[in-house]
Amino acid sequence: MQAIHFHGVLLTVSGGDTIAIYHCSIKIVSRGKGKSAVAAAAYRAGEKLTNEWDGLTHDYTRKGGVVHSEIMLPPHAPPSFSDRSILWNSVEQIEKSNNSQLAREIEIALPVELSREEQTRLVREYCSSQFVSKGMCADFNIHDTGNGNPHAHILLTMRPLDEKGTWAAKSKKEYVLDENGERVKLPSGRYKTRKVDLMDWNRQENADLWRKAWADLANDYLERSGSAERIDHRSHAERGIEELPTVHMGVAASQMEKKGIATDKGEINRMIQKTNRLMREIRGYIDSLKEWLAEVFAAKKQLQAAPHSPDIATLLTRYLSIEREKSRKYSQGWQQQHTAGELQKISKAIVYLQSKGIATLEDLDAALSSVDEEAKRLNTSVVAKQKRMRTLEKFIEHGSNYNRLKPIHDELKTLKNGWGKKREKFEQAHESDLIIWNAANRFLHANLPEGTKSFKVSEWQKEFDELKAQSTGEYEELKTKRSEVKELQQIRKCIDIVEQAEQRTQEQTHQTPRRKKEDISL
């Protein structure tokens, strides 16, 4: 399996859904490419491990940013595999070939909206449901250097374990048979064979399944945490987004850009963003033109139309007839099941429309537009409140540290340079507290109006609590509006099918006499 990379961007789509950053890469740690499973495990965990296969020691104990390490094992794995060195050295020893595939790595971006505990539980549940339950050993590490890019590295074993906890074969060879069921003999005198995988872990379609599973599980955690943001594993084209996707920056390029150093990837993304803005402007002009043309044709049609137009209930009844006609080419059992399902859907739709007082097509379009706009407004409000809440959390944290540790800083100020060793001893005893206070002092004075001398943490906490309550209420209302948008869109889709069918019928009616006239003229 080759390396597969997927990236997404932050955007808002119809109905108010917010799509957060999505990143997932899947690649193989292969000895044939000069890689080592032990080296990979040591780097991801920030540990010192020796590879017994080649005798090389890999020391990454000075690597920072590893905030959580964990090994998850299937029930039949040896308990000793909980030791990272034993697990990956066992993998290295069982693989004899110089081009052996040693491990599979999945790297995923973690939602910044979740707490560290939630992020850890999310990765643990993902590993358990997708990999460990299938018999793989999972070694996962969460990295976060504080640059806004928390992510997890998951190293997976690629060889199954038998019931005794011993490594089993990945594949077997079987004879190739001809159309008569006889073995195919090669010119060398040997029989032709082929390799058959004993596990389905290497199937290419697993990539899509694992991508979707990660998005679904992450979105479930985001919803439970009260966040309005969502991730989507699909590409721009699959989501119907007519924009160019940006390239993944990576940690090094992101840090350089933050320092004001332009990078190749940053320049590419700026060019893509400029192109996307231009494309949005062009689409806006086209949409305006379409709206104007629609108004012109609507006015013309209104003058020519009959005084009565069918209500929505009539159109939905016609939709049922169309669906019933379509189902006739299938089995009787399928017809009955399909018809019953459609009837239930339409009955529910009519009851919903009656409860909302929607009787005509104009009422439906107006309701859909109104509810969609309200959903967008709520989404904008929730996102703004959550952004302010994240800012307040930082103010509360630094403000609390500032007020709590200020007496230590003030005491240090009283120990002037003339105090010599006493001042030095005091600084050494309170080194960590002074570092925290200085960090809080720099942050608060950099982010608050100039001249602010007192930091009222209680007021920030009060504002945070009020915003949280408001955000929770608005989010519940937003979910209701999204449900209404979905219901109205489904009803509109049914009516579109009826209108398209009637239009095709009219076109066929107009075309038939024309063909007859042409035949006569011939």
Protein backbone atom coordinates (compact mmCIF):
# COMPACT_ATOMS: atom_id res chain seq x y z
CA MET A 1 0.00 0.00 0.00
CA GLN A 2 1.48 3.34 -0.98
CA ALA A 3 1.41 6.46 1.17
CA ILE A 4 -2.00 8.14 1.00
CA HIS A 5 -2.50 11.76 2.16
CA PHE A 6 -5.81 13.53 2.71
CA HIS A 7 -6.24 17.16 3.76
CA GLY A 8 -9.19 19.49 4.30
CA VAL A 9 -9.91 23.14 5.06
CA LEU A 10 -12.20 25.10 7.37
CA LEU A 11 -15.40 26.19 5.65
CA THR A 12 -19.14 26.58 6.13
CA VAL A 13 -21.64 24.78 3.91
CA SER A 14 -25.40 25.05 3.34
CA GLY A 15 -27.38 24.36 6.46
CA GLY A 16 -24.75 25.81 8.77
CA ASP A 17 -22.40 22.80 9.08
CA THR A 18 -18.82 23.72 9.89
CA ILE A 19 -16.07 21.55 8.45
CA ALA A 20 -12.85 21.52 10.51
CA ILE A 21 -9.33 20.68 9.39
CA TYR A 22 -8.94 17.04 8.35
CA HIS A 23 -5.60 15.29 7.94
CA CYS A 24 -4.93 11.58 7.67
CA SER A 25 -1.91 9.86 6.16
CA ILE A 26 -1.39 6.12 5.81
CA LYS A 27 2.01 4.69 4.96
CA ILE A 28 4.16 1.59 5.35
CA VAL A 29 7.37 1.28 7.37
CA SER A 30 9.40 -0.90 5.01
CA ARG A 31 12.88 -2.35 5.49
CA GLY A 32 13.29 -2.16 1.71
CA LYS A 33 13.21 1.64 1.99
CA GLY A 34 15.81 1.66 4.75
CA LYS A 35 13.21 2.02 7.53
CA SER A 36 13.05 0.26 10.89
CA ALA A 37 10.01 -0.46 13.06
CA VAL A 38 12.12 -0.02 16.20
CA ALA A 39 13.45 3.34 14.98
CA ALA A 40 9.95 4.49 14.07
CA ALA A 41 8.60 3.47 17.50
CA ALA A 42 11.50 5.17 19.32
CA TYR A 43 10.98 8.44 17.44
CA ARG A 44 7.19 8.51 17.90
CA ALA A 45 7.46 7.76 21.62
CA GLY A 46 10.57 9.87 22.29
CA GLU A 47 12.43 6.89 23.75
CA LYS A 48 15.78 5.11 23.43
CA LEU A 49 15.43 1.68 21.79
CA THR A 50 17.98 -0.76 20.36
CA ASN A 51 17.12 -2.71 17.21
CA GLU A 52 18.32 -6.28 17.86
CA TRP A 53 18.04 -7.11 14.13
CA ASP A 54 20.84 -4.75 13.04
CA GLY A 55 22.30 -3.71 16.43
CA LEU A 56 21.55 0.02 15.93
CA THR A 57 20.43 2.14 18.90
CA HIS A 58 17.92 4.94 18.28
CA ASP A 59 17.87 7.62 21.01
CA TYR A 60 15.09 10.21 20.81
CA THR A 61 14.80 10.95 24.53
CA ARG A 62 15.51 14.63 23.86
CA LYS A 63 12.58 14.90 21.48
CA GLY A 64 9.85 17.08 22.93
CA GLY A 65 6.12 17.24 22.41
CA VAL A 66 5.17 13.62 23.25
CA VAL A 67 2.22 14.09 25.63
CA HIS A 68 0.83 10.54 25.66
CA SER A 69 2.10 7.04 24.78
CA GLU A 70 0.12 3.83 24.88
CA ILE A 71 0.25 0.28 23.50
CA MET A 72 -3.02 -1.60 22.89
CA LEU A 73 -2.98 -5.37 22.37
CA PRO A 74 -5.54 -7.92 21.15
CA PRO A 75 -6.58 -10.56 23.75
CA HIS A 76 -4.27 -13.29 22.41
CA ALA A 77 -1.10 -11.14 22.28
CA PRO A 78 1.71 -11.89 24.76
CA PRO A 79 1.54 -9.50 27.76
CA SER A 80 5.25 -8.77 27.23
CA PHE A 81 4.30 -6.88 24.05
CA SER A 82 3.21 -4.02 26.33
CA ASP A 83 6.94 -3.24 26.35
CA ARG A 84 7.65 -1.16 23.26
CA SER A 85 11.13 -2.62 22.79
CA ILE A 86 9.94 -6.24 23.04
CA LEU A 87 7.00 -5.66 20.67
CA TRP A 88 8.88 -4.04 17.80
CA ASN A 89 12.02 -6.16 18.18
CA SER A 90 9.76 -9.19 17.89
CA VAL A 91 8.42 -7.72 14.64
CA GLU A 92 11.96 -7.10 13.37
CA GLN A 93 13.07 -10.66 14.22
CA ILE A 94 10.12 -12.45 12.58
CA GLU A 95 10.59 -10.58 9.28
CA LYS A 96 13.55 -12.17 7.48
CA SER A 97 13.48 -10.46 4.08
CA ASN A 98 15.47 -7.32 3.24
CA ASN A 99 12.34 -5.71 1.77
CA SER A 100 9.89 -6.76 4.49
CA GLN A 101 6.95 -4.56 5.40
CA LEU A 102 7.37 -4.05 9.15
CA ALA A 103 4.54 -1.78 10.26
CA ARG A 104 1.74 0.43 9.06
CA GLU A 105 1.60 4.02 10.33
CA ILE A 106 -1.50 6.20 10.45
CA GLU A 107 -1.02 9.87 11.27
CA ILE A 108 -4.12 11.87 12.18
CA ALA A 109 -4.74 15.50 13.12
CA LEU A 110 -6.61 15.85 16.42
CA PRO A 111 -9.48 18.35 16.84
CA VAL A 112 -8.19 21.31 18.87
CA GLU A 113 -11.74 21.80 20.16
CA LEU A 114 -11.36 18.66 22.34
CA SER A 115 -9.52 18.50 25.65
CA ARG A 116 -6.40 16.33 26.00
CA GLU A 117 -8.42 13.66 27.81
CA GLU A 118 -11.05 13.66 25.06
CA GLN A 119 -8.37 13.48 22.35
CA THR A 120 -6.77 10.49 24.07
CA ARG A 121 -10.08 8.67 24.50
CA LEU A 122 -10.91 9.40 20.86
CA VAL A 123 -7.65 7.88 19.56
CA ARG A 124 -7.96 4.93 21.95
CA GLU A 125 -11.52 4.16 20.77
CA TYR A 126 -10.47 4.53 17.13
CA CYS A 127 -7.58 2.07 17.57
CA SER A 128 -9.75 -0.38 19.49
CA SER A 129 -12.63 -0.42 17.00
CA GLN A 130 -10.65 -0.36 13.75
CA PHE A 131 -7.41 -2.23 14.45
CA VAL A 132 -7.06 -4.02 17.80
CA SER A 133 -10.45 -5.70 17.38
CA LYS A 134 -9.15 -7.10 14.07
CA GLY A 135 -6.07 -8.63 15.75
CA MET A 136 -3.48 -5.86 15.27
CA CYS A 137 -1.20 -4.47 17.98
CA ALA A 138 -1.47 -0.66 18.12
CA ASP A 139 1.25 1.64 19.48
CA PHE A 140 -0.06 5.20 19.51
CA ASN A 141 1.58 8.45 20.59
CA ILE A 142 0.06 11.91 20.79
CA HIS A 143 2.33 14.84 19.88
CA ASP A 144 1.63 18.46 20.79
CA THR A 145 4.36 21.09 20.84
CA GLY A 146 1.88 23.88 21.57
CA ASN A 147 1.86 25.22 18.00
CA GLY A 148 -1.83 24.45 17.41
CA ASN A 149 -1.15 21.19 15.57
CA PRO A 150 -1.91 18.29 17.96
CA HIS A 151 -1.73 14.95 16.16
CA ALA A 152 -1.38 11.23 16.77
CA HIS A 153 0.94 8.61 15.28
CA ILE A 154 -0.46 5.07 15.26
CA LEU A 155 1.98 2.22 14.52
CA LEU A 156 0.25 -1.06 13.64
CA THR A 157 1.60 -4.59 13.29
CA MET A 158 1.08 -6.23 9.90
CA ARG A 159 1.44 -9.90 10.77
CA PRO A 160 -1.40 -11.76 12.60
CA LEU A 161 -0.96 -13.59 15.90
CA ASP A 162 -2.31 -17.09 16.42
CA GLU A 163 -4.27 -18.19 19.50
CA LYS A 164 -1.02 -19.00 21.33
CA GLY A 165 0.31 -15.47 20.79
CA THR A 166 2.84 -16.55 18.14
CA TRP A 167 3.36 -14.65 14.92
CA ALA A 168 1.48 -16.35 12.07
CA ALA A 169 2.00 -16.19 8.30
CA LYS A 170 0.90 -13.11 6.35
CA SER A 171 0.18 -15.06 3.17
CA LYS A 172 0.40 -18.44 1.48
CA LYS A 173 1.10 -19.74 -2.01
CA GLU A 174 -1.49 -21.66 -3.99
CA TYR A 175 -1.33 -23.32 -7.39
CA VAL A 176 -2.85 -21.52 -10.39
CA LEU A 177 -5.42 -23.80 -12.09
CA ASP A 178 -6.53 -23.77 -15.71
CA GLU A 179 -10.13 -23.97 -16.97
CA ASN A 180 -10.12 -27.74 -16.36
CA GLY A 181 -9.01 -27.39 -12.76
CA GLU A 182 -5.50 -28.66 -13.55
CA ARG A 183 -2.31 -27.01 -12.30
CA VAL A 184 -0.57 -24.79 -14.86
CA LYS A 185 2.89 -26.05 -15.68
CA LEU A 186 5.70 -23.59 -16.49
CA PRO A 187 8.45 -24.19 -19.14
CA SER A 188 10.89 -24.77 -16.25
CA GLY A 189 8.86 -27.78 -15.20
CA ARG A 190 7.54 -26.15 -12.05
CA TYR A 191 3.91 -25.34 -11.46
CA LYS A 192 2.66 -21.76 -11.53
CA THR A 193 1.71 -20.34 -8.13
CA ARG A 194 0.36 -17.09 -6.75
CA LYS A 195 0.48 -15.32 -3.41
CA VAL A 196 -2.75 -15.16 -1.38
CA ASP A 197 -3.04 -12.88 1.65
CA LEU A 198 -4.39 -14.64 4.76
CA MET A 199 -5.65 -11.36 6.24
CA ASP A 200 -7.55 -8.51 4.58
CA TRP A 201 -5.51 -5.79 6.32
CA ASN A 202 -3.70 -4.75 3.11
CA ARG A 203 -6.78 -4.18 0.98
CA GLN A 204 -6.73 -0.78 -0.71
CA GLU A 205 -10.39 -0.14 0.18
CA ASN A 206 -9.43 -0.20 3.88
CA ALA A 207 -8.02 3.30 3.44
CA ASP A 208 -11.48 4.70 2.68
CA LEU A 209 -13.04 2.72 5.55
CA TRP A 210 -10.45 3.93 8.07
CA ARG A 211 -10.74 7.54 6.84
CA LYS A 212 -14.51 7.53 7.20
CA ALA A 213 -14.38 5.78 10.57
CA TRP A 214 -12.02 8.46 11.89
CA ALA A 215 -14.25 11.30 10.63
CA ASP A 216 -17.42 9.70 12.05
CA LEU A 217 -15.88 9.01 15.46
CA ALA A 218 -14.22 12.45 15.71
CA ASN A 219 -17.51 14.16 14.77
CA ASP A 220 -19.30 12.13 17.45
CA TYR A 221 -16.82 13.38 20.07
CA LEU A 222 -17.12 16.98 18.77
CA GLU A 223 -20.90 16.86 19.03
CA ARG A 224 -20.80 15.41 22.54
CA SER A 225 -18.39 18.16 23.60
CA GLY A 226 -20.83 20.82 22.34
CA SER A 227 -18.63 21.96 19.46
CA ALA A 228 -20.29 23.05 16.21
CA GLU A 229 -17.26 22.11 14.11
CA ARG A 230 -17.08 18.89 12.08
CA ILE A 231 -14.43 17.12 9.97
CA ASP A 232 -15.06 15.55 6.57
CA HIS A 233 -12.90 12.82 5.08
CA ARG A 234 -14.16 13.42 1.54
CA SER A 235 -12.29 15.41 -1.10
CA HIS A 236 -13.51 18.82 -2.31
CA ALA A 237 -15.00 17.18 -5.41
CA GLU A 238 -16.87 14.57 -3.35
CA ARG A 239 -18.29 17.32 -1.11
CA GLY A 240 -19.36 19.38 -4.12
CA ILE A 241 -16.96 22.20 -3.21
CA GLU A 242 -15.78 23.94 -6.35
CA GLU A 243 -12.53 25.16 -4.85
CA LEU A 244 -8.90 24.14 -5.02
CA PRO A 245 -7.69 22.39 -1.83
CA THR A 246 -4.69 23.85 -0.06
CA VAL A 247 -1.59 21.74 0.52
CA HIS A 248 -0.68 20.44 3.98
CA MET A 249 1.90 22.78 5.52
CA GLY A 250 3.48 20.50 8.08
CA VAL A 251 5.06 21.55 11.37
CA ALA A 252 8.33 22.98 10.01
CA ALA A 253 6.72 25.14 7.31
CA SER A 254 3.99 26.34 9.72
CA GLN A 255 6.55 27.47 12.29
CA MET A 256 8.58 29.30 9.63
CA GLU A 257 5.46 31.09 8.35
CA LYS A 258 4.56 32.17 11.92
CA LYS A 259 8.01 33.75 12.19
CA GLY A 260 7.41 35.69 8.97
CA ILE A 261 9.58 33.44 6.80
CA ALA A 262 7.91 32.70 3.46
CA THR A 263 7.99 29.02 2.40
CA ASP A 264 7.25 27.33 -0.93
CA LYS A 265 4.18 25.63 0.55
CA GLY A 266 3.00 28.91 2.02
CA GLU A 267 3.33 30.67 -1.35
CA ILE A 268 1.39 27.85 -3.04
CA ASN A 269 -1.41 28.13 -0.47
CA ARG A 270 -1.58 31.92 -0.83
CA MET A 271 -1.89 31.52 -4.60
CA ILE A 272 -4.60 28.88 -4.16
CA GLN A 273 -6.52 31.09 -1.71
CA LYS A 274 -6.35 34.05 -4.11
CA THR A 275 -7.61 31.83 -6.96
CA ASN A 276 -10.46 30.53 -4.79
CA ARG A 277 -11.52 34.09 -3.89
CA LEU A 278 -11.63 34.97 -7.59
CA MET A 279 -13.65 31.82 -8.34
CA ARG A 280 -16.15 32.70 -5.58
CA GLU A 281 -16.59 36.20 -7.02
CA ILE A 282 -17.20 34.79 -10.51
CA ARG A 283 -19.74 32.29 -9.13
CA GLY A 284 -21.43 35.16 -7.29
CA TYR A 285 -21.83 37.08 -10.57
CA ILE A 286 -23.22 33.95 -12.25
CA ASP A 287 -25.67 33.34 -9.40
CA SER A 288 -26.88 36.94 -9.61
CA LEU A 289 -27.39 36.56 -13.35
CA LYS A 290 -29.31 33.31 -12.82
CA GLU A 291 -31.55 34.95 -10.22
CA TRP A 292 -32.30 37.84 -12.58
CA LEU A 293 -33.12 35.45 -15.46
CA ALA A 294 -35.29 33.35 -13.12
CA GLU A 295 -37.27 36.45 -12.15
CA VAL A 296 -37.76 37.38 -15.81
CA PHE A 297 -38.96 33.91 -16.79
CA ALA A 298 -41.11 33.62 -13.65
CA ALA A 299 -42.88 36.87 -14.48
CA LYS A 300 -43.43 35.71 -18.05
CA LYS A 301 -44.71 32.31 -16.90
CA GLN A 302 -47.05 33.94 -14.38
CA LEU A 303 -48.75 35.86 -17.17
CA GLN A 304 -49.22 32.71 -19.24
CA ALA A 305 -50.03 30.23 -16.44
CA ALA A 306 -53.44 28.95 -15.51
CA PRO A 307 -55.04 30.61 -12.47
CA HIS A 308 -54.58 27.43 -10.39
CA SER A 309 -51.31 25.61 -9.65
CA PRO A 310 -51.16 22.21 -7.91
CA ASP A 311 -50.50 22.14 -4.17
CA ILE A 312 -47.59 20.25 -2.61
CA ALA A 313 -49.73 17.32 -1.48
CA THR A 314 -50.78 16.74 -5.11
CA LEU A 315 -47.17 16.94 -6.30
CA LEU A 316 -46.05 14.45 -3.64
CA THR A 317 -48.82 12.07 -4.68
CA ARG A 318 -47.54 12.28 -8.27
CA TYR A 319 -44.06 11.52 -6.93
CA LEU A 320 -45.38 8.28 -5.44
CA SER A 321 -46.80 7.30 -8.85
CA ILE A 322 -43.44 7.95 -10.52
CA GLU A 323 -41.57 5.87 -7.94
CA ARG A 324 -44.10 3.06 -8.25
CA GLU A 325 -43.61 3.04 -12.02
CA LYS A 326 -39.82 2.93 -11.65
CA SER A 327 -39.99 -0.06 -9.30
CA ARG A 328 -41.88 -2.26 -11.75
CA LYS A 329 -38.68 -3.53 -13.35
CA TYR A 330 -37.63 -5.06 -10.01
CA SER A 331 -38.95 -8.08 -8.11
CA GLN A 332 -42.38 -7.97 -6.52
CA GLY A 333 -40.91 -8.18 -3.02
CA TRP A 334 -38.59 -5.25 -3.69
CA GLN A 335 -41.51 -3.29 -5.21
CA GLN A 336 -43.61 -3.77 -2.06
CA GLN A 337 -40.75 -2.82 0.26
CA HIS A 338 -39.81 0.25 -1.83
CA THR A 339 -43.41 1.43 -2.19
CA ALA A 340 -44.07 1.04 1.54
CA GLY A 341 -40.93 3.01 2.36
CA GLU A 342 -41.78 5.83 -0.06
CA LEU A 343 -45.37 5.97 1.20
CA GLN A 344 -44.17 6.28 4.78
CA LYS A 345 -41.73 9.03 3.78
CA ILE A 346 -44.38 11.02 1.89
CA SER A 347 -46.99 10.61 4.64
CA LYS A 348 -44.47 11.94 7.15
CA ALA A 349 -43.62 14.84 4.80
CA ILE A 350 -47.29 15.84 4.35
CA VAL A 351 -47.88 15.79 8.13
CA TYR A 352 -44.75 17.93 8.60
CA LEU A 353 -45.86 20.43 5.94
CA GLN A 354 -49.33 20.70 7.46
CA SER A 355 -47.84 21.36 10.91
CA LYS A 356 -45.80 24.23 9.42
CA GLY A 357 -48.68 25.63 7.36
CA ILE A 358 -46.85 24.99 4.07
CA ALA A 359 -49.32 24.34 1.25
CA THR A 360 -47.81 25.64 -1.99
CA LEU A 361 -44.46 25.40 -3.73
CA GLU A 362 -43.87 29.07 -3.02
CA ASP A 363 -44.45 28.41 0.70
CA LEU A 364 -41.96 25.53 0.59
CA ASP A 365 -39.21 27.54 -1.10
CA ALA A 366 -39.77 30.46 1.27
CA ALA A 367 -39.65 28.16 4.32
CA LEU A 368 -36.51 26.42 3.07
CA SER A 369 -34.77 29.74 2.48
CA SER A 370 -35.84 31.10 5.87
CA VAL A 371 -34.81 28.03 7.89
CA ASP A 372 -31.51 27.76 6.00
CA GLU A 373 -30.68 31.41 6.73
CA GLU A 374 -31.59 30.94 10.40
CA ALA A 375 -29.32 27.87 10.58
CA LYS A 376 -26.46 29.86 9.06
CA ARG A 377 -27.05 32.71 11.53
CA LEU A 378 -27.03 30.32 14.48
CA ASN A 379 -23.89 28.61 13.21
CA THR A 380 -22.10 31.96 12.86
CA SER A 381 -23.17 32.93 16.37
CA VAL A 382 -22.07 29.60 17.91
CA VAL A 383 -18.68 29.71 16.15
CA ALA A 384 -18.11 33.32 17.30
CA LYS A 385 -19.01 32.49 20.90
CA GLN A 386 -16.74 29.44 20.93
CA LYS A 387 -13.88 31.52 19.53
CA ARG A 388 -14.37 34.09 22.29
CA MET A 389 -14.56 31.27 24.87
CA ARG A 390 -11.20 29.91 23.73
CA THR A 391 -9.72 33.40 24.13
CA LEU A 392 -11.26 33.75 27.60
CA GLU A 393 -9.83 30.39 28.63
CA LYS A 394 -6.35 31.70 27.89
CA PHE A 395 -7.05 34.95 29.77
CA ILE A 396 -8.39 33.01 32.78
CA GLU A 397 -5.39 30.67 32.81
CA HIS A 398 -2.77 33.43 32.52
CA GLY A 399 -4.69 35.83 34.77
CA SER A 400 -4.94 33.20 37.52
CA ASN A 401 -1.22 32.46 37.24
CA TYR A 402 -0.40 36.18 37.29
CA ASN A 403 -2.44 36.91 40.44
CA ARG A 404 -1.37 33.72 42.22
CA LEU A 405 2.36 34.17 41.64
CA LYS A 406 2.60 37.97 41.80
CA PRO A 407 3.61 37.96 45.51
CA ILE A 408 6.67 35.86 44.60
CA HIS A 409 7.60 38.31 41.84
CA ASP A 410 7.07 41.28 44.18
CA GLU A 411 9.26 39.66 46.83
CA LEU A 412 12.00 39.16 44.23
CA LYS A 413 11.86 42.88 43.42
CA THR A 414 12.56 43.70 47.06
CA LEU A 415 15.79 41.69 46.84
CA LYS A 416 17.88 44.19 44.91
CA ASN A 417 21.17 43.37 43.26
CA GLY A 418 23.00 44.20 46.43
CA TRP A 419 21.52 41.17 48.17
CA GLY A 420 23.77 38.95 46.02
CA LYS A 421 23.53 35.27 46.93
CA LYS A 422 20.21 35.71 48.75
CA ARG A 423 18.56 36.97 45.55
CA GLU A 424 20.21 34.20 43.51
CA LYS A 425 19.05 31.55 45.98
CA PHE A 426 15.51 32.95 45.92
CA GLU A 427 15.42 32.87 42.08
CA GLN A 428 16.60 29.26 42.04
CA ALA A 429 13.99 28.19 44.61
CA HIS A 430 11.14 29.83 42.67
CA GLU A 431 12.45 29.36 39.12
CA SER A 432 9.38 27.58 37.69
CA ASP A 433 6.93 29.98 39.38
CA LEU A 434 8.80 33.00 38.04
CA ILE A 435 8.84 31.53 34.52
CA ILE A 436 5.07 30.99 34.68
CA TRP A 437 4.47 34.50 36.04
CA ASN A 438 6.64 36.12 33.35
CA ALA A 439 4.82 34.15 30.62
CA ALA A 440 1.46 35.27 32.04
CA ASN A 441 2.66 38.87 32.29
CA ARG A 442 3.86 38.93 28.67
CA PHE A 443 0.65 37.35 27.37
CA LEU A 444 -1.73 39.64 29.28
CA HIS A 445 0.06 42.86 28.39
CA ALA A 446 0.37 41.78 24.75
CA ASN A 447 -3.33 40.95 24.39
CA LEU A 448 -5.08 43.52 26.60
CA PRO A 449 -5.42 47.31 26.17
CA GLU A 450 -2.34 49.28 27.06
CA GLY A 451 -2.35 50.50 30.63
CA THR A 452 -4.35 47.58 32.07
CA LYS A 453 -2.98 46.99 35.57
CA SER A 454 -5.49 44.66 37.25
CA PHE A 455 -6.70 41.38 35.82
CA LYS A 456 -10.19 40.46 37.02
CA VAL A 457 -10.30 36.73 36.44
CA SER A 458 -13.76 36.46 38.02
CA GLU A 459 -15.24 38.74 35.34
CA TRP A 460 -13.66 36.66 32.58
CA GLN A 461 -14.98 33.49 34.21
CA LYS A 462 -18.46 35.00 34.46
CA GLU A 463 -18.41 35.98 30.77
CA PHE A 464 -17.13 32.48 29.86
CA ASP A 465 -19.94 30.78 31.82
CA GLU A 466 -22.58 33.01 30.20
CA LEU A 467 -21.21 32.35 26.71
CA LYS A 468 -21.08 28.62 27.36
CA ALA A 469 -24.74 28.56 28.43
CA GLN A 470 -25.76 30.65 25.41
CA SER A 471 -23.65 28.53 23.04
CA THR A 472 -25.16 25.30 24.35
CA GLY A 473 -28.70 26.61 23.87
CA GLU A 474 -27.97 27.96 20.40
CA TYR A 475 -26.32 24.70 19.37
CA GLU A 476 -29.42 22.71 20.36
CA GLU A 477 -31.52 25.15 18.33
CA LEU A 478 -29.04 24.83 15.45
CA LYS A 479 -29.44 21.03 15.40
CA THR A 480 -33.22 21.48 15.18
CA LYS A 481 -32.85 23.93 12.28
CA ARG A 482 -30.48 21.59 10.46
CA SER A 483 -33.02 18.79 10.83
CA GLU A 484 -35.72 21.06 9.38
CA VAL A 485 -33.47 22.05 6.46
CA LYS A 486 -32.81 18.38 5.71
CA GLU A 487 -36.54 17.56 5.83
CA LEU A 488 -37.46 20.47 3.54
CA GLN A 489 -34.63 19.63 1.11
CA GLN A 490 -35.86 16.03 0.84
CA ILE A 491 -39.38 17.26 0.07
CA ARG A 492 -38.04 19.71 -2.52
CA LYS A 493 -36.03 16.92 -4.13
CA CYS A 494 -39.20 14.81 -4.54
CA ILE A 495 -40.98 17.74 -6.19
CA ASP A 496 -38.00 18.33 -8.49
CA ILE A 497 -38.33 14.74 -9.69
CA VAL A 498 -42.03 15.37 -10.49
CA GLU A 499 -41.26 18.61 -12.33
CA GLN A 500 -38.49 16.98 -14.38
CA ALA A 501 -40.78 14.08 -15.32
CA GLU A 502 -43.55 16.46 -16.40
CA GLN A 503 -41.07 18.52 -18.41
CA ARG A 504 -39.88 15.40 -20.26
CA THR A 505 -43.49 14.47 -20.98
CA GLN A 506 -44.21 17.92 -22.42
CA GLU A 507 -41.08 17.80 -24.59
CA GLN A 508 -42.07 14.39 -25.95
CA THR A 509 -45.59 15.67 -26.68
CA HIS A 510 -44.24 18.64 -28.63
CA GLN A 511 -41.73 16.52 -30.54
CA THR A 512 -44.18 13.84 -31.78
CA PRO A 513 -46.29 16.02 -34.15
CA ARG A 514 -43.09 17.55 -35.52
CA ARG A 515 -41.77 14.13 -36.50
CA LYS A 516 -45.08 13.30 -38.22
CA LYS A 517 -44.97 16.51 -40.23
CA GLU A 518 -41.41 15.78 -41.32
CA ASP A 519 -42.45 12.27 -42.39
CA ILE A 520 -45.29 13.68 -44.52
CA SER A 521 -43.01 16.21 -46.15
CA LEU A 522 -40.66 13.42 -47.13
